[in-house]
Amino acid sequence: MASDLQARAKEAFVDEDYDLAMDLLTKAIAFESNNAQYYADRAQANIKLNNLAEAVADANMAIELNPSLPKAYLRKGTACMKLKEYQTAKAALEMGASLAPGDSKFIDMLKQCHELIAEESDVTPIIPEKHTTTRGVSAKELEQVNDVSQQMTIAVAKPKYRHEFYQKPDEVVVTIFAKGIPRDSVTVDFGEQIIVPSRCRYEVLSTKMEIRLAKAEPIHWAALEFRGGATVPQRAIVSSVINVQRPTYPSSKPKRVDWDKLEAQVKKEEKDEKLDGDAALNKFFRQIYQDADEDTRRAMSKSFVESNGTVLSTNWKEVGSKKVQGSAPDGMELKKWEY
């Protein structure tokens, strides 16, 4: 079931229907939550939809499930670069490049990342303006002040510690990578722009500090910094999956999900759904798969995946011992798509 959803998601990527790809991959994760490929693919859908914080969270989950999956590091690096978190992107891309030596995607992105880091490291000088009039100061004193001000250069300080963040419907989690900071020397002043201070908290650890900001409203934050009264885009983080919030991100206390109940509900609604055309045919094939024995299911899955969706066989004896070749319709050419 989950592999079928992933195959349909790949077709949605080809059609550039990223919302559909997102929904299909979220359903696949609901059935098989320990599959790193599904999280890495959903991270790509989030990147295409510009849901960058969600993309980072999905990529992190994929890395946690399979630390040797290069695609997961590529997704994280891509999303972090779009978020202008260049140091985090660089670390992810370097790890991915070590797992996939010679891959041009990592080489090109690392080159771009180094260039952006170099640009970001430039110091911007700010020269105070001269004052042309004043009261109670002699002309000679004023000339001396102006001479000093011409020599002053105030450098814009860069943040001392690297940080990154991701968000859920009800909170934003900020991680500041600072080692050995004494807890009694840390003070966090929670403002009141778009958060609930009484529900916010922070924790100082040996290698980092984690700050949890409780949202006043379940909306998506376009950036971590509050921009002087500018409103946050009112895009609610909601799910199009039946009775499942999308997406659910990892935390120290994972939420328990009744997968049996979820699967039963999805199957019931699919059974009651009235379809026609290709949708009705797909439903028919799913029904065959659901009622089939193990060998028939293996035959259907193997033939469908190896033929890129052009062949569907129920005979395991026929397809089990050989690779199933794709077969394009008359007048069309079969091509393998990579994403």
Protein backbone atom coordinates (compact mmCIF):
# COMPACT_ATOMS: atom_id res chain seq x y z
CA MET A 1 0.00 0.00 0.00
CA ALA A 2 2.72 2.49 1.01
CA SER A 3 4.87 1.65 -2.03
CA ASP A 4 1.87 2.23 -4.30
CA LEU A 5 1.39 5.67 -2.75
CA GLN A 6 5.07 6.48 -3.32
CA ALA A 7 4.79 5.42 -6.97
CA ARG A 8 1.77 7.72 -7.41
CA ALA A 9 3.71 10.52 -5.71
CA LYS A 10 6.51 10.12 -8.28
CA GLU A 11 3.93 10.54 -11.05
CA ALA A 12 2.69 13.70 -9.32
CA PHE A 13 6.27 15.05 -9.30
CA VAL A 14 6.48 14.46 -13.05
CA ASP A 15 3.21 16.36 -13.49
CA GLU A 16 4.53 19.11 -11.16
CA ASP A 17 1.54 18.56 -8.87
CA TYR A 18 3.48 19.01 -5.65
CA ASP A 19 0.43 19.35 -3.39
CA LEU A 20 -0.73 15.91 -4.51
CA ALA A 21 2.77 14.49 -4.05
CA MET A 22 2.78 15.89 -0.52
CA ASP A 23 -0.54 14.29 0.36
CA LEU A 24 0.40 10.90 -1.12
CA LEU A 25 3.74 10.80 0.71
CA THR A 26 2.09 11.82 3.98
CA LYS A 27 -0.30 8.88 3.57
CA ALA A 28 2.63 6.58 2.79
CA ILE A 29 4.38 7.72 5.98
CA ALA A 30 1.19 7.03 7.93
CA PHE A 31 1.42 3.38 6.82
CA GLU A 32 5.22 3.05 7.05
CA SER A 33 6.61 5.66 9.42
CA ASN A 34 10.17 4.27 9.53
CA ASN A 35 10.91 4.65 5.80
CA ALA A 36 13.60 7.31 5.27
CA GLN A 37 12.90 7.50 1.51
CA TYR A 38 9.36 8.73 2.11
CA TYR A 39 10.58 11.56 4.38
CA ALA A 40 13.30 12.55 1.90
CA ASP A 41 10.76 12.62 -0.94
CA ARG A 42 8.30 14.66 1.12
CA ALA A 43 11.12 17.08 1.92
CA GLN A 44 11.45 17.64 -1.85
CA ALA A 45 7.72 18.34 -2.13
CA ASN A 46 8.01 20.83 0.75
CA ILE A 47 10.91 22.55 -1.01
CA LYS A 48 8.87 22.85 -4.22
CA LEU A 49 5.98 24.33 -2.19
CA ASN A 50 8.42 26.65 -0.35
CA ASN A 51 7.62 25.04 3.01
CA LEU A 52 11.28 25.28 3.94
CA ALA A 53 11.18 24.70 7.69
CA GLU A 54 9.01 21.62 7.13
CA ALA A 55 11.47 20.43 4.47
CA VAL A 56 14.36 20.66 6.96
CA ALA A 57 12.35 18.71 9.55
CA ASP A 58 11.54 15.96 7.02
CA ALA A 59 15.18 15.77 5.89
CA ASN A 60 16.34 15.53 9.52
CA MET A 61 13.90 12.67 10.10
CA ALA A 62 15.18 10.88 6.99
CA ILE A 63 18.77 11.28 8.23
CA GLU A 64 17.79 9.95 11.66
CA LEU A 65 16.19 6.87 10.09
CA ASN A 66 18.98 6.29 7.53
CA PRO A 67 22.20 8.28 8.12
CA SER A 68 23.72 6.89 4.89
CA LEU A 69 21.03 8.26 2.54
CA PRO A 70 22.71 10.98 0.38
CA LYS A 71 19.38 12.32 -0.88
CA ALA A 72 18.35 13.31 2.66
CA TYR A 73 21.45 15.52 3.07
CA LEU A 74 20.83 17.06 -0.37
CA ARG A 75 17.27 17.97 0.64
CA LYS A 76 18.45 19.50 3.93
CA GLY A 77 21.21 21.45 2.22
CA THR A 78 18.81 22.80 -0.42
CA ALA A 79 16.22 23.92 2.13
CA CYS A 80 18.81 25.50 4.46
CA MET A 81 20.33 27.47 1.57
CA LYS A 82 16.91 28.87 0.71
CA LEU A 83 16.53 29.79 4.40
CA LYS A 84 19.96 31.49 4.20
CA GLU A 85 21.32 29.11 6.85
CA TYR A 86 24.48 28.62 4.84
CA GLN A 87 26.68 27.04 7.52
CA THR A 88 24.04 24.40 8.27
CA ALA A 89 23.60 23.81 4.54
CA LYS A 90 27.36 23.44 4.09
CA ALA A 91 27.61 20.82 6.84
CA ALA A 92 24.74 18.79 5.34
CA LEU A 93 26.09 19.00 1.79
CA GLU A 94 29.60 17.99 2.85
CA MET A 95 28.21 14.92 4.62
CA GLY A 96 26.11 14.02 1.56
CA ALA A 97 29.09 14.50 -0.76
CA SER A 98 31.15 12.09 1.35
CA LEU A 99 28.43 9.47 0.84
CA ALA A 100 28.14 10.14 -2.92
CA PRO A 101 31.65 10.99 -4.20
CA GLY A 102 31.66 12.70 -7.59
CA ASP A 103 27.94 13.57 -7.56
CA SER A 104 27.74 16.85 -9.49
CA LYS A 105 24.71 18.06 -7.53
CA PHE A 106 26.70 18.17 -4.29
CA ILE A 107 29.74 19.69 -6.02
CA ASP A 108 27.72 22.51 -7.61
CA MET A 109 25.73 23.30 -4.47
CA LEU A 110 28.81 23.31 -2.24
CA LYS A 111 30.49 25.77 -4.59
CA GLN A 112 27.46 28.06 -4.45
CA CYS A 113 27.27 27.66 -0.67
CA HIS A 114 30.91 28.68 -0.19
CA GLU A 115 30.35 31.78 -2.33
CA LEU A 116 27.30 32.79 -0.27
CA ILE A 117 29.18 32.26 3.00
CA ALA A 118 32.00 34.48 1.70
CA GLU A 119 29.52 37.22 0.76
CA GLU A 120 27.80 36.93 4.16
CA SER A 121 31.13 37.34 5.97
CA ASP A 122 31.74 40.82 4.52
CA VAL A 123 31.67 43.67 7.10
CA THR A 124 29.36 46.56 6.25
CA PRO A 125 30.76 49.94 7.36
CA ILE A 126 28.39 52.60 8.75
CA ILE A 127 29.77 56.15 8.70
CA PRO A 128 28.03 58.64 11.06
CA GLU A 129 26.70 61.73 9.32
CA LYS A 130 28.22 65.15 10.00
CA HIS A 131 26.19 67.62 12.08
CA THR A 132 26.01 71.05 10.48
CA THR A 133 24.52 72.98 13.41
CA THR A 134 24.56 72.65 17.19
CA ARG A 135 24.04 74.78 20.28
CA GLY A 136 26.49 75.42 23.12
CA VAL A 137 29.51 74.11 21.16
CA SER A 138 32.20 76.33 19.70
CA ALA A 139 33.07 76.19 16.01
CA LYS A 140 36.51 74.77 16.86
CA GLU A 141 35.01 71.99 19.03
CA LEU A 142 32.49 71.18 16.33
CA GLU A 143 35.25 70.86 13.75
CA GLN A 144 37.12 68.45 16.06
CA VAL A 145 33.99 66.31 16.54
CA ASN A 146 33.46 66.14 12.78
CA ASP A 147 37.09 65.15 12.21
CA VAL A 148 36.71 62.26 14.69
CA SER A 149 33.39 61.14 13.21
CA GLN A 150 34.97 60.89 9.76
CA GLN A 151 37.42 58.33 11.13
CA MET A 152 34.79 56.18 12.86
CA THR A 153 33.66 52.90 11.30
CA ILE A 154 31.06 50.85 13.10
CA ALA A 155 31.06 47.19 12.02
CA VAL A 156 27.79 45.31 11.91
CA ALA A 157 28.26 42.37 14.25
CA LYS A 158 27.43 38.93 12.98
CA PRO A 159 25.67 36.44 15.29
CA LYS A 160 28.23 34.71 17.49
CA TYR A 161 26.50 31.32 17.44
CA ARG A 162 24.99 29.31 14.60
CA HIS A 163 21.27 28.60 14.91
CA GLU A 164 18.45 26.84 13.08
CA PHE A 165 14.73 26.40 13.64
CA TYR A 166 11.70 24.40 12.59
CA GLN A 167 8.03 24.78 13.39
CA LYS A 168 4.91 22.81 14.18
CA PRO A 169 1.31 24.05 14.19
CA ASP A 170 1.50 25.15 17.82
CA GLU A 171 5.16 26.10 18.37
CA VAL A 172 8.52 27.09 16.88
CA VAL A 173 11.66 25.29 18.10
CA VAL A 174 14.91 27.29 17.91
CA THR A 175 18.26 25.56 18.44
CA ILE A 176 21.35 27.69 19.21
CA PHE A 177 24.61 25.76 18.91
CA ALA A 178 26.63 27.10 21.85
CA LYS A 179 28.90 24.79 23.85
CA GLY A 180 29.60 25.06 27.55
CA ILE A 181 27.27 27.98 28.34
CA PRO A 182 26.51 28.12 32.12
CA ARG A 183 22.78 27.87 32.70
CA ASP A 184 22.77 30.58 35.37
CA SER A 185 24.26 33.05 32.87
CA VAL A 186 21.40 32.64 30.35
CA THR A 187 18.32 34.84 30.40
CA VAL A 188 15.61 34.64 27.74
CA ASP A 189 13.14 37.52 27.46
CA PHE A 190 10.01 36.28 25.68
CA GLY A 191 8.25 39.12 23.86
CA GLU A 192 4.56 39.31 23.09
CA GLN A 193 4.35 39.93 19.33
CA ILE A 194 2.87 36.64 18.13
CA ILE A 195 3.68 34.21 20.94
CA VAL A 196 2.28 33.26 24.35
CA PRO A 197 5.11 34.02 26.84
CA SER A 198 3.60 31.93 29.66
CA ARG A 199 3.82 28.78 27.52
CA CYS A 200 7.33 29.42 26.17
CA ARG A 201 10.33 27.65 27.69
CA TYR A 202 14.02 27.00 27.11
CA GLU A 203 16.63 24.42 28.05
CA VAL A 204 20.40 24.84 28.26
CA LEU A 205 22.36 21.71 27.32
CA SER A 206 26.07 20.96 27.14
CA THR A 207 26.37 21.60 23.39
CA LYS A 208 23.34 23.76 22.56
CA MET A 209 20.37 25.72 23.84
CA GLU A 210 16.82 24.87 22.76
CA ILE A 211 14.07 27.50 22.88
CA ARG A 212 10.40 26.59 22.37
CA LEU A 213 8.12 29.47 21.36
CA ALA A 214 4.38 28.84 21.78
CA LYS A 215 2.44 30.34 18.86
CA ALA A 216 -0.49 32.63 19.61
CA GLU A 217 -2.18 31.33 16.44
CA PRO A 218 -1.62 28.10 14.43
CA ILE A 219 -0.12 29.90 11.43
CA HIS A 220 3.08 29.45 9.43
CA TRP A 221 5.96 31.81 10.25
CA ALA A 222 7.71 33.01 7.10
CA ALA A 223 10.82 33.95 9.13
CA LEU A 224 12.14 33.67 12.67
CA GLU A 225 12.74 37.43 13.09
CA PHE A 226 9.78 39.71 13.88
CA ARG A 227 9.77 42.50 11.29
CA GLY A 228 8.52 45.61 13.05
CA GLY A 229 4.77 45.21 12.88
CA ALA A 230 4.67 43.33 9.56
CA THR A 231 2.00 40.69 9.59
CA VAL A 232 2.83 37.02 9.31
CA PRO A 233 1.31 35.33 6.23
CA GLN A 234 -1.93 33.71 7.36
CA ARG A 235 -1.31 30.22 6.03
CA ALA A 236 -2.67 27.74 8.47
CA ILE A 237 -0.72 24.51 8.82
CA VAL A 238 -3.45 21.98 8.18
CA SER A 239 -3.65 18.49 6.74
CA SER A 240 -5.51 17.15 3.74
CA VAL A 241 -5.02 13.59 4.96
CA ILE A 242 -8.05 11.96 6.55
CA ASN A 243 -7.90 12.54 10.33
CA VAL A 244 -4.10 12.98 10.28
CA GLN A 245 -2.42 16.34 10.83
CA ARG A 246 0.24 17.08 8.20
CA PRO A 247 3.10 17.07 8.83
CA THR A 248 3.98 15.73 12.32
CA TYR A 249 7.59 16.38 13.20
CA PRO A 250 9.89 14.52 15.59
CA SER A 251 10.09 15.60 19.20
CA SER A 252 11.42 14.17 22.45
CA LYS A 253 7.93 12.84 23.26
CA PRO A 254 6.51 11.17 20.13
CA LYS A 255 2.75 11.14 19.80
CA ARG A 256 1.07 7.74 19.79
CA VAL A 257 -0.99 6.97 16.66
CA ASP A 258 -3.48 4.13 16.32
CA TRP A 259 -2.32 2.87 12.91
CA ASP A 260 -4.86 0.01 12.82
CA LYS A 261 -7.72 2.45 13.34
CA LEU A 262 -6.30 4.83 10.72
CA GLU A 263 -5.90 2.07 8.13
CA ALA A 264 -9.42 0.76 8.79
CA GLN A 265 -10.90 4.22 8.33
CA VAL A 266 -8.99 4.88 5.10
CA LYS A 267 -10.08 1.51 3.71
CA LYS A 268 -13.72 2.17 4.64
CA GLU A 269 -13.78 5.57 2.99
CA GLU A 270 -12.04 4.21 -0.11
CA LYS A 271 -14.61 1.41 -0.29
CA ASP A 272 -17.54 3.83 0.00
CA GLU A 273 -16.08 6.26 -2.53
CA LYS A 274 -17.82 6.32 -5.92
CA LEU A 275 -15.38 6.75 -8.79
CA ASP A 276 -15.27 6.43 -12.55
CA GLY A 277 -12.66 6.26 -15.33
CA ASP A 278 -9.02 5.82 -14.27
CA ALA A 279 -9.90 6.40 -10.63
CA ALA A 280 -12.37 3.50 -10.70
CA LEU A 281 -9.73 1.29 -12.36
CA ASN A 282 -7.15 2.20 -9.71
CA LYS A 283 -9.66 1.41 -7.00
CA PHE A 284 -10.33 -1.96 -8.63
CA PHE A 285 -6.60 -2.79 -8.62
CA ARG A 286 -6.27 -1.72 -4.99
CA GLN A 287 -9.16 -4.00 -4.09
CA ILE A 288 -7.42 -6.91 -5.83
CA TYR A 289 -4.25 -6.15 -3.88
CA GLN A 290 -6.11 -5.92 -0.58
CA ASP A 291 -7.87 -9.29 -1.02
CA ALA A 292 -4.87 -11.12 -2.54
CA ASP A 293 -2.54 -13.62 -0.88
CA GLU A 294 1.11 -12.80 -0.15
CA ASP A 295 2.51 -14.16 -3.46
CA THR A 296 -0.02 -12.19 -5.51
CA ARG A 297 0.82 -8.99 -3.62
CA ARG A 298 4.54 -9.56 -4.16
CA ALA A 299 3.94 -10.10 -7.87
CA MET A 300 1.84 -6.93 -8.17
CA SER A 301 4.34 -4.77 -6.30
CA LYS A 302 7.40 -6.14 -8.13
CA SER A 303 5.90 -5.89 -11.61
CA PHE A 304 4.51 -2.38 -11.02
CA VAL A 305 7.76 -0.94 -9.59
CA GLU A 306 10.21 -2.59 -12.02
CA SER A 307 8.12 -1.66 -15.08
CA ASN A 308 7.69 1.96 -13.92
CA GLY A 309 3.95 1.50 -13.61
CA THR A 310 3.34 -0.01 -17.07
CA VAL A 311 2.88 -3.67 -16.11
CA LEU A 312 0.76 -5.19 -13.32
CA SER A 313 1.02 -8.96 -12.86
CA THR A 314 -0.55 -11.26 -10.26
CA ASN A 315 1.58 -14.31 -11.17
CA TRP A 316 4.55 -14.56 -8.81
CA LYS A 317 5.92 -17.65 -10.57
CA GLU A 318 6.13 -15.64 -13.78
CA VAL A 319 7.72 -12.43 -12.45
CA GLY A 320 9.52 -13.62 -9.32
CA SER A 321 12.62 -14.94 -11.03
CA LYS A 322 13.28 -12.13 -13.51
CA LYS A 323 13.14 -8.38 -13.87
CA VAL A 324 9.90 -7.06 -15.34
CA GLN A 325 10.51 -4.85 -18.36
CA GLY A 326 8.37 -1.76 -18.95
CA SER A 327 6.02 -1.63 -21.90
CA ALA A 328 4.97 1.74 -23.33
CA PRO A 329 1.60 2.19 -25.14
CA ASP A 330 1.61 2.31 -28.94
CA GLY A 331 3.08 5.52 -30.31
CA MET A 332 4.87 6.40 -27.03
CA GLU A 333 8.45 5.97 -25.80
CA LEU A 334 9.29 4.65 -22.33
CA LYS A 335 11.76 6.82 -20.40
CA LYS A 336 13.10 6.53 -16.89
CA TRP A 337 12.49 9.61 -14.76
CA GLU A 338 14.90 10.68 -12.03
CA TYR A 339 14.20 13.34 -9.44
